[in-house]
N, C-alpha and C. Protein backbone atom coordinates (compact mmCIF):
# COMPACT_ATOMS: atom_id res chain seq x y z
N GLY A 1 185.57 159.54 -2.35
CA GLY A 1 186.47 160.11 -2.78
C GLY A 1 187.72 160.06 -2.24
N HIS A 2 188.69 159.99 -3.09
CA HIS A 2 190.07 160.08 -2.65
C HIS A 2 191.15 160.39 -3.52
N PRO A 3 192.21 160.96 -3.34
CA PRO A 3 193.02 161.44 -4.00
C PRO A 3 193.54 160.48 -5.13
N PRO A 4 194.20 160.65 -6.38
CA PRO A 4 194.41 159.88 -7.21
C PRO A 4 195.68 158.83 -6.71
N PHE A 5 196.62 159.19 -5.96
CA PHE A 5 197.81 158.37 -5.31
C PHE A 5 197.48 158.57 -3.95
N ASN A 6 197.02 157.60 -3.31
CA ASN A 6 196.57 157.49 -1.96
C ASN A 6 197.44 156.36 -1.15
N SER A 7 198.47 155.94 -1.75
CA SER A 7 199.14 155.05 -1.00
C SER A 7 200.90 155.27 -1.03
N GLY A 8 201.55 154.77 -0.04
CA GLY A 8 203.02 155.11 -0.07
C GLY A 8 203.19 156.41 0.94
N SER A 9 204.45 156.83 1.03
CA SER A 9 204.85 157.98 1.88
C SER A 9 204.60 159.27 1.08
N LEU A 10 204.67 160.23 1.69
CA LEU A 10 204.33 161.54 1.14
C LEU A 10 205.28 161.89 -0.09
N ALA A 11 206.71 161.57 0.24
CA ALA A 11 207.66 161.71 -1.01
C ALA A 11 206.93 160.79 -2.11
N GLN A 12 206.61 159.63 -1.95
CA GLN A 12 206.34 158.61 -3.06
C GLN A 12 205.00 159.11 -3.56
N ARG A 13 204.08 159.95 -2.89
CA ARG A 13 202.92 160.51 -3.43
C ARG A 13 203.23 161.43 -4.52
N LEU A 14 204.05 162.24 -3.96
CA LEU A 14 204.32 163.72 -4.54
C LEU A 14 204.87 163.24 -5.89
N ILE A 15 206.11 162.19 -6.09
CA ILE A 15 206.66 161.66 -7.25
C ILE A 15 205.61 160.80 -7.98
N ALA A 16 204.71 160.45 -7.53
CA ALA A 16 203.69 160.02 -8.30
C ALA A 16 202.90 161.05 -9.12
N HIS A 17 202.71 162.06 -8.45
CA HIS A 17 201.93 163.04 -9.00
C HIS A 17 202.47 163.71 -10.07
N GLN A 18 203.80 163.94 -9.86
CA GLN A 18 204.75 164.26 -11.27
C GLN A 18 204.92 163.59 -12.11
N SER A 19 204.85 162.08 -11.87
CA SER A 19 205.46 161.51 -12.93
C SER A 19 204.69 160.24 -13.76
N LEU A 20 203.34 160.11 -12.74
CA LEU A 20 202.54 158.96 -13.26
C LEU A 20 201.21 159.49 -13.76
N GLN A 21 200.89 158.66 -14.59
CA GLN A 21 199.23 158.94 -14.79
C GLN A 21 198.41 158.32 -13.94
N PRO A 22 197.56 159.10 -13.56
CA PRO A 22 196.50 158.53 -12.29
C PRO A 22 195.77 157.26 -13.13
N PRO A 23 195.30 156.51 -12.15
CA PRO A 23 194.52 155.21 -12.74
C PRO A 23 193.05 155.98 -13.20
N ALA A 24 192.49 155.17 -14.46
CA ALA A 24 191.33 155.61 -15.04
C ALA A 24 190.34 155.54 -13.83
N ILE A 25 189.33 156.74 -13.76
CA ILE A 25 188.22 156.71 -12.88
C ILE A 25 187.29 155.50 -13.16
N THR A 26 187.37 154.71 -14.37
CA THR A 26 186.49 153.76 -14.73
C THR A 26 186.87 152.53 -13.89
N SER A 27 188.44 152.39 -13.34
CA SER A 27 188.71 151.60 -12.77
C SER A 27 188.07 151.16 -11.01
N ILE A 28 187.70 152.49 -10.73
CA ILE A 28 186.81 152.56 -9.46
C ILE A 28 185.40 152.72 -9.61
N ARG A 29 184.97 153.49 -10.81
CA ARG A 29 183.79 153.63 -11.20
C ARG A 29 183.55 153.37 -12.55
N PRO A 30 183.26 151.97 -12.95
CA PRO A 30 182.97 151.21 -14.02
C PRO A 30 181.82 151.96 -14.96
N ASP A 31 180.74 152.40 -14.14
CA ASP A 31 179.72 153.52 -14.81
C ASP A 31 180.03 154.74 -15.08
N VAL A 32 181.06 155.31 -15.14
CA VAL A 32 181.24 156.37 -15.72
C VAL A 32 181.73 156.48 -17.09
N PRO A 33 180.88 157.28 -17.98
CA PRO A 33 181.07 157.29 -19.44
C PRO A 33 182.34 157.54 -19.82
N LEU A 34 182.84 156.93 -20.88
CA LEU A 34 184.25 157.34 -21.33
C LEU A 34 184.36 158.51 -22.09
N SER A 35 183.30 158.93 -22.52
CA SER A 35 183.36 160.65 -22.84
C SER A 35 183.98 161.27 -21.45
N LEU A 36 183.12 161.19 -20.43
CA LEU A 36 183.24 161.85 -19.19
C LEU A 36 184.82 161.54 -18.54
N GLN A 37 185.18 160.41 -18.76
CA GLN A 37 186.82 159.82 -18.49
C GLN A 37 187.49 160.75 -19.38
N ALA A 38 187.21 160.99 -20.38
CA ALA A 38 188.36 161.87 -21.39
C ALA A 38 188.30 163.08 -20.75
N ILE A 39 187.32 163.77 -20.55
CA ILE A 39 187.58 165.18 -19.86
C ILE A 39 188.38 165.14 -18.48
N ILE A 40 187.99 164.00 -17.92
CA ILE A 40 188.77 164.05 -16.61
C ILE A 40 190.21 163.79 -16.59
N GLU A 41 190.43 162.99 -17.77
CA GLU A 41 192.13 162.91 -18.06
C GLU A 41 192.80 164.00 -18.42
N LYS A 42 191.80 164.64 -19.32
CA LYS A 42 192.38 165.92 -19.96
C LYS A 42 192.70 167.09 -18.85
N MET A 43 191.76 167.02 -17.75
CA MET A 43 192.01 167.78 -16.79
C MET A 43 193.07 167.62 -15.91
N MET A 44 193.82 166.39 -15.56
CA MET A 44 194.85 166.18 -14.79
C MET A 44 195.93 165.69 -15.79
N ALA A 45 196.16 166.05 -16.97
CA ALA A 45 197.24 165.53 -17.99
C ALA A 45 198.46 166.37 -17.22
N LYS A 46 199.66 165.39 -17.36
CA LYS A 46 200.97 165.85 -16.89
C LYS A 46 201.57 167.29 -17.56
N LYS A 47 201.48 167.32 -18.99
CA LYS A 47 201.66 168.45 -19.25
C LYS A 47 200.85 169.52 -19.61
N VAL A 48 201.16 170.73 -19.14
CA VAL A 48 200.22 171.81 -19.19
C VAL A 48 199.72 172.23 -20.57
N GLU A 49 200.31 171.77 -21.52
CA GLU A 49 199.88 172.18 -22.96
C GLU A 49 198.71 170.95 -23.32
N ASP A 50 198.54 169.91 -22.66
CA ASP A 50 197.71 169.03 -22.87
C ASP A 50 196.22 169.02 -22.14
N ARG A 51 196.35 170.01 -21.15
CA ARG A 51 195.32 170.25 -20.11
C ARG A 51 194.50 171.18 -20.83
N TYR A 52 193.21 171.53 -20.04
CA TYR A 52 192.37 172.75 -20.55
C TYR A 52 193.18 173.92 -20.23
N GLN A 53 193.20 174.89 -20.75
CA GLN A 53 194.02 176.20 -20.60
C GLN A 53 193.25 177.10 -19.70
N SER A 54 191.92 176.75 -19.45
CA SER A 54 191.26 177.94 -18.54
C SER A 54 190.16 177.11 -17.61
N ALA A 55 189.60 177.67 -16.84
CA ALA A 55 188.39 176.97 -16.14
C ALA A 55 187.26 177.17 -16.92
N GLN A 56 187.13 178.19 -18.10
CA GLN A 56 186.23 178.54 -18.91
C GLN A 56 186.08 177.10 -19.91
N GLU A 57 187.18 176.71 -20.35
CA GLU A 57 187.20 175.64 -21.27
C GLU A 57 186.96 174.39 -20.43
N VAL A 58 187.10 174.46 -19.27
CA VAL A 58 186.66 173.11 -18.68
C VAL A 58 185.20 173.19 -18.33
N ALA A 59 184.59 174.43 -17.85
CA ALA A 59 183.15 174.46 -18.01
C ALA A 59 182.42 174.25 -19.16
N ASP A 60 183.07 174.70 -20.48
CA ASP A 60 182.32 174.86 -21.65
C ASP A 60 182.45 173.07 -22.10
N ALA A 61 183.68 172.37 -21.72
CA ALA A 61 183.56 170.78 -22.06
C ALA A 61 182.48 170.17 -21.28
N LEU A 62 182.35 170.47 -20.02
CA LEU A 62 181.29 169.82 -18.95
C LEU A 62 179.89 170.16 -19.73
N THR A 63 179.67 171.42 -20.23
CA THR A 63 178.58 172.06 -20.48
C THR A 63 177.91 171.04 -21.76
N ASN A 64 179.03 171.03 -22.68
CA ASN A 64 178.78 170.22 -23.85
C ASN A 64 178.51 168.91 -23.81
N TRP A 65 179.25 168.32 -22.86
CA TRP A 65 178.67 166.86 -22.23
C TRP A 65 177.39 166.69 -21.78
N LEU A 66 177.10 167.70 -20.77
CA LEU A 66 175.82 167.56 -20.21
C LEU A 66 174.67 167.64 -21.15
N ALA A 67 174.89 168.47 -22.19
CA ALA A 67 174.14 168.84 -23.28
C ALA A 67 173.85 167.97 -24.20
N ASN A 68 174.64 166.85 -24.32
CA ASN A 68 174.66 165.81 -25.35
C ASN A 68 174.59 164.18 -24.79
N PRO A 69 173.28 163.99 -24.74
CA PRO A 69 173.07 162.56 -24.01
C PRO A 69 173.97 161.47 -24.69
N ASP A 70 174.08 161.66 -26.03
CA ASP A 70 174.95 160.88 -26.87
C ASP A 70 176.03 160.44 -26.42
N LEU A 71 176.79 161.36 -25.45
CA LEU A 71 178.19 161.35 -25.08
C LEU A 71 178.08 160.69 -23.63
N HIS A 72 177.01 160.14 -23.29
CA HIS A 72 176.87 159.40 -21.87
C HIS A 72 176.93 158.00 -21.74
N GLU A 73 177.56 157.36 -23.10
CA GLU A 73 177.77 155.85 -23.14
C GLU A 73 178.64 155.36 -22.25
N VAL A 74 178.34 154.44 -21.55
CA VAL A 74 179.29 153.72 -20.77
C VAL A 74 179.81 152.53 -21.41
N PRO A 75 180.96 152.20 -20.70
CA PRO A 75 181.49 150.98 -21.44
C PRO A 75 180.81 149.91 -21.71
N ASP A 76 179.89 149.45 -20.93
CA ASP A 76 179.23 148.30 -21.34
C ASP A 76 178.07 148.44 -22.53
N GLY A 77 177.99 149.65 -22.88
CA GLY A 77 176.73 149.90 -23.95
C GLY A 77 175.54 150.52 -23.48
N GLN A 78 175.27 150.45 -22.02
CA GLN A 78 174.04 151.02 -21.65
C GLN A 78 174.17 152.67 -21.12
N THR A 79 173.17 153.29 -21.10
CA THR A 79 173.44 154.69 -21.03
C THR A 79 173.10 155.09 -19.71
N ASN A 80 174.02 156.09 -19.35
CA ASN A 80 174.03 156.73 -17.73
C ASN A 80 173.65 157.86 -17.97
N PRO A 81 172.53 158.44 -17.38
CA PRO A 81 172.10 159.92 -17.41
C PRO A 81 173.06 160.75 -16.64
N PRO A 82 173.30 161.99 -16.84
CA PRO A 82 174.21 162.89 -16.02
C PRO A 82 174.01 163.31 -14.76
N ALA A 83 173.93 162.20 -13.93
CA ALA A 83 173.22 162.55 -12.48
C ALA A 83 174.22 163.52 -11.77
N ALA A 84 175.61 163.17 -11.56
CA ALA A 84 176.47 164.50 -10.86
C ALA A 84 177.45 164.04 -11.53
N ILE A 85 178.56 165.04 -11.63
CA ILE A 85 179.83 165.17 -12.16
C ILE A 85 180.76 165.14 -10.72
N VAL A 86 181.18 164.19 -10.44
CA VAL A 86 182.22 164.26 -9.15
C VAL A 86 183.39 163.48 -9.13
């Protein structure tokens, strides 16, 4: 694990957090299902109105994801069981 922006000076990292979309988690973990990547991207959206509006909304999205194995499709077409959400 590491933060989404982990290179550059402190000032550069702060600016990146404010202005850049973090790299897709699949660039580091290609086995992450695209549906889970979408949840993560929504959690990290720059505009507050594009994010989940409460922790309950995040919990509901993750609960729905875990309850629906059809959503666990990984980019290469293989299925990936929901071992852990990290």
